[in-house]
Amino acid sequence: MTDSIEEQRTPEFRNRQEMAEWSEKNDFLDYPEEFRKVSADEVSVSPALPQTLSIRPSDRLFEELRNQAEERGIEFRQGCAQQNLP
């Protein structure tokens, strides 16, 4: 039924990729004992990440990507650059 606290602890992540992979399979809300309320002076906001991804998806895949980005709060912009690509 319920795992012990030791088994439920979130792992220490070495990088964002590890955290993303873990987050795809787990829900942070399953670990309420590992969180605490913080005040505004304890939080710092980093500038937006500079990474971008440019792809040419099918219409169906484009809509799915847009929906998933919206659900996750990720900025999704449709590019308008025209290139002569095959």
PDB file of N, CA and C in Angstrom:
ATOM      1  N   MET A   1       0.842  -1.183   0.000  1.00  0.00           N
ATOM      2  CA  MET A   1       0.000   0.000   0.000  1.00  0.00           C
ATOM      3  C   MET A   1       0.886   1.245   0.000  1.00  0.00           C
ATOM      4  N   THR A   2       1.263   1.758   1.163  1.00  0.00           N
ATOM      5  CA  THR A   2       2.121   2.937   1.225  1.00  0.00           C
ATOM      6  C   THR A   2       3.556   2.511   1.487  1.00  0.00           C
ATOM      7  N   ASP A   3       4.499   3.001   0.676  1.00  0.00           N
ATOM      8  CA  ASP A   3       5.906   2.692   0.874  1.00  0.00           C
ATOM      9  C   ASP A   3       6.432   3.451   2.077  1.00  0.00           C
ATOM     10  N   SER A   4       7.511   2.973   2.630  1.00  0.00           N
ATOM     11  CA  SER A   4       8.115   3.690   3.750  1.00  0.00           C
ATOM     12  C   SER A   4       8.647   5.025   3.257  1.00  0.00           C
ATOM     13  N   ILE A   5       8.858   5.960   4.196  1.00  0.00           N
ATOM     14  CA  ILE A   5       9.381   7.279   3.831  1.00  0.00           C
ATOM     15  C   ILE A   5      10.715   7.138   3.117  1.00  0.00           C
ATOM     16  N   GLU A   6      11.550   6.200   3.567  1.00  0.00           N
ATOM     17  CA  GLU A   6      12.855   5.993   2.936  1.00  0.00           C
ATOM     18  C   GLU A   6      12.687   5.659   1.457  1.00  0.00           C
ATOM     19  N   GLU A   7      11.712   4.814   1.131  1.00  0.00           N
ATOM     20  CA  GLU A   7      11.475   4.419  -0.254  1.00  0.00           C
ATOM     21  C   GLU A   7      10.830   5.529  -1.066  1.00  0.00           C
ATOM     22  N   GLN A   8      10.144   6.466  -0.426  1.00  0.00           N
ATOM     23  CA  GLN A   8       9.439   7.510  -1.142  1.00  0.00           C
ATOM     24  C   GLN A   8      10.266   8.771  -1.365  1.00  0.00           C
ATOM     25  N   ARG A   9      11.464   8.847  -0.837  1.00  0.00           N
ATOM     26  CA  ARG A   9      12.261  10.068  -0.958  1.00  0.00           C
ATOM     27  C   ARG A   9      12.586  10.360  -2.420  1.00  0.00           C
ATOM     28  N   THR A  10      12.543  11.618  -2.762  1.00  0.00           N
ATOM     29  CA  THR A  10      12.961  12.008  -4.107  1.00  0.00           C
ATOM     30  C   THR A  10      14.479  11.896  -4.201  1.00  0.00           C
ATOM     31  N   PRO A  11      14.992  11.506  -5.358  1.00  0.00           N
ATOM     32  CA  PRO A  11      16.438  11.360  -5.497  1.00  0.00           C
ATOM     33  C   PRO A  11      17.138  12.712  -5.636  1.00  0.00           C
ATOM     34  N   GLU A  12      18.449  12.688  -5.431  1.00  0.00           N
ATOM     35  CA  GLU A  12      19.271  13.858  -5.726  1.00  0.00           C
ATOM     36  C   GLU A  12      19.578  13.800  -7.220  1.00  0.00           C
ATOM     37  N   PHE A  13      19.305  14.877  -7.936  1.00  0.00           N
ATOM     38  CA  PHE A  13      19.512  14.894  -9.379  1.00  0.00           C
ATOM     39  C   PHE A  13      20.851  15.542  -9.715  1.00  0.00           C
ATOM     40  N   ARG A  14      21.562  14.955 -10.663  1.00  0.00           N
ATOM     41  CA  ARG A  14      22.846  15.513 -11.084  1.00  0.00           C
ATOM     42  C   ARG A  14      22.673  16.619 -12.116  1.00  0.00           C
ATOM     43  N   ASN A  15      21.528  16.623 -12.816  1.00  0.00           N
ATOM     44  CA  ASN A  15      21.305  17.634 -13.851  1.00  0.00           C
ATOM     45  C   ASN A  15      19.812  17.716 -14.174  1.00  0.00           C
ATOM     46  N   ARG A  16      19.461  18.664 -15.010  1.00  0.00           N
ATOM     47  CA  ARG A  16      18.050  18.873 -15.378  1.00  0.00           C
ATOM     48  C   ARG A  16      17.468  17.670 -16.115  1.00  0.00           C
ATOM     49  N   GLN A  17      18.288  17.028 -16.931  1.00  0.00           N
ATOM     50  CA  GLN A  17      17.813  15.877 -17.692  1.00  0.00           C
ATOM     51  C   GLN A  17      17.365  14.752 -16.763  1.00  0.00           C
ATOM     52  N   GLU A  18      18.171  14.458 -15.741  1.00  0.00           N
ATOM     53  CA  GLU A  18      17.775  13.429 -14.771  1.00  0.00           C
ATOM     54  C   GLU A  18      16.466  13.796 -14.088  1.00  0.00           C
ATOM     55  N   MET A  19      16.337  15.058 -13.697  1.00  0.00           N
ATOM     56  CA  MET A  19      15.111  15.485 -13.034  1.00  0.00           C
ATOM     57  C   MET A  19      13.923  15.364 -13.987  1.00  0.00           C
ATOM     58  N   ALA A  20      14.115  15.731 -15.246  1.00  0.00           N
ATOM     59  CA  ALA A  20      13.025  15.641 -16.216  1.00  0.00           C
ATOM     60  C   ALA A  20      12.585  14.196 -16.425  1.00  0.00           C
ATOM     61  N   GLU A  21      13.556  13.295 -16.538  1.00  0.00           N
ATOM     62  CA  GLU A  21      13.228  11.884 -16.736  1.00  0.00           C
ATOM     63  C   GLU A  21      12.484  11.320 -15.525  1.00  0.00           C
ATOM     64  N   TRP A  22      12.938  11.673 -14.328  1.00  0.00           N
ATOM     65  CA  TRP A  22      12.267  11.212 -13.113  1.00  0.00           C
ATOM     66  C   TRP A  22      10.855  11.794 -13.042  1.00  0.00           C
ATOM     67  N   SER A  23      10.720  13.065 -13.402  1.00  0.00           N
ATOM     68  CA  SER A  23       9.426  13.751 -13.322  1.00  0.00           C
ATOM     69  C   SER A  23       8.413  13.174 -14.294  1.00  0.00           C
ATOM     70  N   GLU A  24       8.883  12.612 -15.400  1.00  0.00           N
ATOM     71  CA  GLU A  24       7.968  11.992 -16.362  1.00  0.00           C
ATOM     72  C   GLU A  24       7.292  10.757 -15.770  1.00  0.00           C
ATOM     73  N   LYS A  25       7.963  10.101 -14.834  1.00  0.00           N
ATOM     74  CA  LYS A  25       7.464   8.846 -14.271  1.00  0.00           C
ATOM     75  C   LYS A  25       6.897   8.997 -12.865  1.00  0.00           C
ATOM     76  N   ASN A  26       7.121  10.140 -12.229  1.00  0.00           N
ATOM     77  CA  ASN A  26       6.726  10.341 -10.836  1.00  0.00           C
ATOM     78  C   ASN A  26       6.007  11.673 -10.676  1.00  0.00           C
ATOM     79  N   ASP A  27       5.314  11.808  -9.563  1.00  0.00           N
ATOM     80  CA  ASP A  27       4.586  13.034  -9.260  1.00  0.00           C
ATOM     81  C   ASP A  27       5.125  13.598  -7.949  1.00  0.00           C
ATOM     82  N   PHE A  28       5.623  14.836  -8.004  1.00  0.00           N
ATOM     83  CA  PHE A  28       6.149  15.459  -6.792  1.00  0.00           C
ATOM     84  C   PHE A  28       5.100  15.536  -5.683  1.00  0.00           C
ATOM     85  N   LEU A  29       3.837  15.545  -6.055  1.00  0.00           N
ATOM     86  CA  LEU A  29       2.778  15.615  -5.043  1.00  0.00           C
ATOM     87  C   LEU A  29       2.696  14.345  -4.207  1.00  0.00           C
ATOM     88  N   ASP A  30       3.361  13.279  -4.643  1.00  0.00           N
ATOM     89  CA  ASP A  30       3.409  12.048  -3.851  1.00  0.00           C
ATOM     90  C   ASP A  30       4.435  12.134  -2.730  1.00  0.00           C
ATOM     91  N   TYR A  31       5.146  13.267  -2.625  1.00  0.00           N
ATOM     92  CA  TYR A  31       6.223  13.427  -1.652  1.00  0.00           C
ATOM     93  C   TYR A  31       6.029  14.690  -0.806  1.00  0.00           C
ATOM     94  N   PRO A  32       4.855  14.887  -0.210  1.00  0.00           N
ATOM     95  CA  PRO A  32       4.593  16.139   0.517  1.00  0.00           C
ATOM     96  C   PRO A  32       5.509  16.352   1.719  1.00  0.00           C
ATOM     97  N   GLU A  33       6.019  15.264   2.305  1.00  0.00           N
ATOM     98  CA  GLU A  33       6.886  15.409   3.475  1.00  0.00           C
ATOM     99  C   GLU A  33       8.236  16.038   3.122  1.00  0.00           C
ATOM    100  N   GLU A  34       8.546  16.139   1.850  1.00  0.00           N
ATOM    101  CA  GLU A  34       9.834  16.697   1.440  1.00  0.00           C
ATOM    102  C   GLU A  34       9.750  18.181   1.078  1.00  0.00           C
ATOM    103  N   PHE A  35       8.601  18.787   1.252  1.00  0.00           N
ATOM    104  CA  PHE A  35       8.420  20.188   0.893  1.00  0.00           C
ATOM    105  C   PHE A  35       8.059  21.020   2.116  1.00  0.00           C
ATOM    106  N   ARG A  36       8.362  22.286   2.052  1.00  0.00           N
ATOM    107  CA  ARG A  36       8.001  23.214   3.112  1.00  0.00           C
ATOM    108  C   ARG A  36       7.657  24.557   2.469  1.00  0.00           C
ATOM    109  N   LYS A  37       6.891  25.369   3.162  1.00  0.00           N
ATOM    110  CA  LYS A  37       6.583  26.703   2.686  1.00  0.00           C
ATOM    111  C   LYS A  37       7.828  27.565   2.785  1.00  0.00           C
ATOM    112  N   VAL A  38       7.992  28.445   1.818  1.00  0.00           N
ATOM    113  CA  VAL A  38       9.141  29.348   1.827  1.00  0.00           C
ATOM    114  C   VAL A  38       8.650  30.776   1.666  1.00  0.00           C
ATOM    115  N   SER A  39       9.460  31.711   2.124  1.00  0.00           N
ATOM    116  CA  SER A  39       9.118  33.120   1.953  1.00  0.00           C
ATOM    117  C   SER A  39       9.742  33.626   0.661  1.00  0.00           C
ATOM    118  N   ALA A  40       9.259  34.757   0.190  1.00  0.00           N
ATOM    119  CA  ALA A  40       9.729  35.313  -1.081  1.00  0.00           C
ATOM    120  C   ALA A  40      11.225  35.597  -1.064  1.00  0.00           C
ATOM    121  N   ASP A  41      11.784  35.953   0.083  1.00  0.00           N
ATOM    122  CA  ASP A  41      13.212  36.263   0.122  1.00  0.00           C
ATOM    123  C   ASP A  41      14.083  35.002   0.063  1.00  0.00           C
ATOM    124  N   GLU A  42      13.489  33.822   0.145  1.00  0.00           N
ATOM    125  CA  GLU A  42      14.232  32.571   0.018  1.00  0.00           C
ATOM    126  C   GLU A  42      14.284  32.067  -1.428  1.00  0.00           C
ATOM    127  N   VAL A  43      13.578  32.728  -2.317  1.00  0.00           N
ATOM    128  CA  VAL A  43      13.441  32.266  -3.691  1.00  0.00           C
ATOM    129  C   VAL A  43      14.158  33.212  -4.634  1.00  0.00           C
ATOM    130  N   SER A  44      14.895  32.643  -5.569  1.00  0.00           N
ATOM    131  CA  SER A  44      15.495  33.463  -6.619  1.00  0.00           C
ATOM    132  C   SER A  44      14.978  32.949  -7.956  1.00  0.00           C
ATOM    133  N   VAL A  45      14.827  33.839  -8.889  1.00  0.00           N
ATOM    134  CA  VAL A  45      14.318  33.488 -10.205  1.00  0.00           C
ATOM    135  C   VAL A  45      15.460  33.612 -11.204  1.00  0.00           C
ATOM    136  N   SER A  46      15.687  32.543 -11.927  1.00  0.00           N
ATOM    137  CA  SER A  46      16.738  32.547 -12.944  1.00  0.00           C
ATOM    138  C   SER A  46      16.186  33.126 -14.234  1.00  0.00           C
ATOM    139  N   PRO A  47      17.057  33.693 -15.042  1.00  0.00           N
ATOM    140  CA  PRO A  47      16.596  34.160 -16.351  1.00  0.00           C
ATOM    141  C   PRO A  47      16.122  32.964 -17.188  1.00  0.00           C
ATOM    142  N   ALA A  48      15.335  33.237 -18.178  1.00  0.00           N
ATOM    143  CA  ALA A  48      14.824  32.170 -19.041  1.00  0.00           C
ATOM    144  C   ALA A  48      15.986  31.407 -19.665  1.00  0.00           C
ATOM    145  N   LEU A  49      15.785  30.111 -19.825  1.00  0.00           N
ATOM    146  CA  LEU A  49      16.817  29.296 -20.449  1.00  0.00           C
ATOM    147  C   LEU A  49      16.943  29.681 -21.921  1.00  0.00           C
ATOM    148  N   PRO A  50      18.155  29.750 -22.424  1.00  0.00           N
ATOM    149  CA  PRO A  50      18.351  30.210 -23.791  1.00  0.00           C
ATOM    150  C   PRO A  50      18.098  29.145 -24.858  1.00  0.00           C
ATOM    151  N   GLN A  51      17.879  27.899 -24.469  1.00  0.00           N
ATOM    152  CA  GLN A  51      17.727  26.847 -25.453  1.00  0.00           C
ATOM    153  C   GLN A  51      16.446  27.000 -26.250  1.00  0.00           C
ATOM    154  N   THR A  52      16.555  26.714 -27.506  1.00  0.00           N
ATOM    155  CA  THR A  52      15.380  26.678 -28.368  1.00  0.00           C
ATOM    156  C   THR A  52      15.452  25.404 -29.203  1.00  0.00           C
ATOM    157  N   LEU A  53      14.329  25.024 -29.761  1.00  0.00           N
ATOM    158  CA  LEU A  53      14.257  23.840 -30.598  1.00  0.00           C
ATOM    159  C   LEU A  53      13.459  24.207 -31.835  1.00  0.00           C
ATOM    160  N   SER A  54      14.031  23.967 -32.993  1.00  0.00           N
ATOM    161  CA  SER A  54      13.336  24.238 -34.249  1.00  0.00           C
ATOM    162  C   SER A  54      13.157  22.934 -35.006  1.00  0.00           C
ATOM    163  N   ILE A  55      11.896  22.589 -35.274  1.00  0.00           N
ATOM    164  CA  ILE A  55      11.578  21.371 -36.018  1.00  0.00           C
ATOM    165  C   ILE A  55      10.457  21.681 -36.997  1.00  0.00           C
ATOM    166  N   ARG A  56      10.244  20.769 -37.941  1.00  0.00           N
ATOM    167  CA  ARG A  56       9.150  20.901 -38.900  1.00  0.00           C
ATOM    168  C   ARG A  56       8.225  19.694 -38.730  1.00  0.00           C
ATOM    169  N   PRO A  57       7.332  19.736 -37.739  1.00  0.00           N
ATOM    170  CA  PRO A  57       6.452  18.590 -37.482  1.00  0.00           C
ATOM    171  C   PRO A  57       5.235  18.567 -38.400  1.00  0.00           C
ATOM    172  N   SER A  58       4.609  17.403 -38.453  1.00  0.00           N
ATOM    173  CA  SER A  58       3.332  17.306 -39.158  1.00  0.00           C
ATOM    174  C   SER A  58       2.317  18.156 -38.393  1.00  0.00           C
ATOM    175  N   ASP A  59       1.194  18.469 -39.026  1.00  0.00           N
ATOM    176  CA  ASP A  59       0.161  19.261 -38.349  1.00  0.00           C
ATOM    177  C   ASP A  59      -0.311  18.580 -37.067  1.00  0.00           C
ATOM    178  N   ARG A  60      -0.485  17.265 -37.125  1.00  0.00           N
ATOM    179  CA  ARG A  60      -0.957  16.515 -35.954  1.00  0.00           C
ATOM    180  C   ARG A  60       0.057  16.588 -34.813  1.00  0.00           C
ATOM    181  N   LEU A  61       1.339  16.366 -35.118  1.00  0.00           N
ATOM    182  CA  LEU A  61       2.373  16.430 -34.097  1.00  0.00           C
ATOM    183  C   LEU A  61       2.506  17.852 -33.558  1.00  0.00           C
ATOM    184  N   PHE A  62       2.383  18.848 -34.424  1.00  0.00           N
ATOM    185  CA  PHE A  62       2.466  20.239 -33.993  1.00  0.00           C
ATOM    186  C   PHE A  62       1.414  20.539 -32.932  1.00  0.00           C
ATOM    187  N   GLU A  63       0.182  20.111 -33.163  1.00  0.00           N
ATOM    188  CA  GLU A  63      -0.897  20.357 -32.208  1.00  0.00           C
ATOM    189  C   GLU A  63      -0.643  19.622 -30.888  1.00  0.00           C
ATOM    190  N   GLU A  64      -0.141  18.392 -30.968  1.00  0.00           N
ATOM    191  CA  GLU A  64       0.159  17.633 -29.749  1.00  0.00           C
ATOM    192  C   GLU A  64       1.268  18.324 -28.948  1.00  0.00           C
ATOM    193  N   LEU A  65       2.308  18.790 -29.629  1.00  0.00           N
ATOM    194  CA  LEU A  65       3.392  19.501 -28.944  1.00  0.00           C
ATOM    195  C   LEU A  65       2.888  20.789 -28.296  1.00  0.00           C
ATOM    196  N   ARG A  66       2.045  21.512 -29.013  1.00  0.00           N
ATOM    197  CA  ARG A  66       1.484  22.747 -28.465  1.00  0.00           C
ATOM    198  C   ARG A  66       0.652  22.456 -27.216  1.00  0.00           C
ATOM    199  N   ASN A  67      -0.167  21.412 -27.267  1.00  0.00           N
ATOM    200  CA  ASN A  67      -1.001  21.049 -26.123  1.00  0.00           C
ATOM    201  C   ASN A  67      -0.151  20.651 -24.917  1.00  0.00           C
ATOM    202  N   GLN A  68       0.881  19.835 -25.140  1.00  0.00           N
ATOM    203  CA  GLN A  68       1.741  19.412 -24.027  1.00  0.00           C
ATOM    204  C   GLN A  68       2.511  20.592 -23.448  1.00  0.00           C
ATOM    205  N   ALA A  69       2.987  21.488 -24.291  1.00  0.00           N
ATOM    206  CA  ALA A  69       3.700  22.663 -23.797  1.00  0.00           C
ATOM    207  C   ALA A  69       2.763  23.512 -22.932  1.00  0.00           C
ATOM    208  N   GLU A  70       1.542  23.707 -23.389  1.00  0.00           N
ATOM    209  CA  GLU A  70       0.563  24.493 -22.627  1.00  0.00           C
ATOM    210  C   GLU A  70       0.286  23.850 -21.273  1.00  0.00           C
ATOM    211  N   GLU A  71       0.103  22.529 -21.246  1.00  0.00           N
ATOM    212  CA  GLU A  71      -0.163  21.815 -19.997  1.00  0.00           C
ATOM    213  C   GLU A  71       0.989  21.960 -19.008  1.00  0.00           C
ATOM    214  N   ARG A  72       2.206  22.057 -19.521  1.00  0.00           N
ATOM    215  CA  ARG A  72       3.392  22.135 -18.661  1.00  0.00           C
ATOM    216  C   ARG A  72       3.880  23.558 -18.421  1.00  0.00           C
ATOM    217  N   GLY A  73       3.164  24.539 -18.969  1.00  0.00           N
ATOM    218  CA  GLY A  73       3.551  25.925 -18.756  1.00  0.00           C
ATOM    219  C   GLY A  73       4.795  26.328 -19.522  1.00  0.00           C
ATOM    220  N   ILE A  74       5.051  25.677 -20.646  1.00  0.00           N
ATOM    221  CA  ILE A  74       6.221  25.973 -21.466  1.00  0.00           C
ATOM    222  C   ILE A  74       5.816  26.914 -22.586  1.00  0.00           C
ATOM    223  N   GLU A  75       6.606  27.977 -22.756  1.00  0.00           N
ATOM    224  CA  GLU A  75       6.317  28.926 -23.843  1.00  0.00           C
ATOM    225  C   GLU A  75       6.441  28.210 -25.178  1.00  0.00           C
ATOM    226  N   PHE A  76       5.470  28.372 -26.022  1.00  0.00           N
ATOM    227  CA  PHE A  76       5.442  27.715 -27.326  1.00  0.00           C
ATOM    228  C   PHE A  76       5.165  28.781 -28.363  1.00  0.00           C
ATOM    229  N   ARG A  77       6.138  29.013 -29.226  1.00  0.00           N
ATOM    230  CA  ARG A  77       5.956  30.022 -30.277  1.00  0.00           C
ATOM    231  C   ARG A  77       6.093  29.369 -31.639  1.00  0.00           C
ATOM    232  N   GLN A  78       5.187  29.703 -32.504  1.00  0.00           N
ATOM    233  CA  GLN A  78       5.257  29.200 -33.874  1.00  0.00           C
ATOM    234  C   GLN A  78       6.173  30.136 -34.641  1.00  0.00           C
ATOM    235  N   GLY A  79       7.239  29.582 -35.200  1.00  0.00           N
ATOM    236  CA  GLY A  79       8.188  30.385 -35.968  1.00  0.00           C
ATOM    237  C   GLY A  79       7.632  30.748 -37.326  1.00  0.00           C
ATOM    238  N   CYS A  80       8.189  31.773 -37.882  1.00  0.00           N
ATOM    239  CA  CYS A  80       7.732  32.200 -39.208  1.00  0.00           C
ATOM    240  C   CYS A  80       8.898  32.301 -40.186  1.00  0.00           C
ATOM    241  N   ALA A  81      10.068  31.793 -39.812  1.00  0.00           N
ATOM    242  CA  ALA A  81      11.219  31.856 -40.707  1.00  0.00           C
ATOM    243  C   ALA A  81      10.984  30.941 -41.904  1.00  0.00           C
ATOM    244  N   GLN A  82      11.210  31.454 -43.074  1.00  0.00           N
ATOM    245  CA  GLN A  82      11.061  30.672 -44.293  1.00  0.00           C
ATOM    246  C   GLN A  82      12.439  30.262 -44.767  1.00  0.00           C
ATOM    247  N   GLN A  83      12.628  28.977 -44.944  1.00  0.00           N
ATOM    248  CA  GLN A  83      13.878  28.447 -45.466  1.00  0.00           C
ATOM    249  C   GLN A  83      13.550  27.468 -46.568  1.00  0.00           C
ATOM    250  N   ASN A  84      14.424  27.346 -47.507  1.00  0.00           N
ATOM    251  CA  ASN A  84      14.238  26.391 -48.596  1.00  0.00           C
ATOM    252  C   ASN A  84      14.811  25.050 -48.176  1.00  0.00           C
ATOM    253  N   LEU A  85      14.053  24.314 -47.377  1.00  0.00           N
ATOM    254  CA  LEU A  85      14.482  23.006 -46.911  1.00  0.00           C
ATOM    255  C   LEU A  85      13.731  21.933 -47.666  1.00  0.00           C
ATOM    256  N   PRO A  86      14.353  20.779 -47.868  1.00  0.00           N
ATOM    257  CA  PRO A  86      13.659  19.688 -48.613  1.00  0.00           C
ATOM    258  C   PRO A  86      12.463  19.152 -47.861  1.00  0.00           C
TER     259      PRO A  86
END
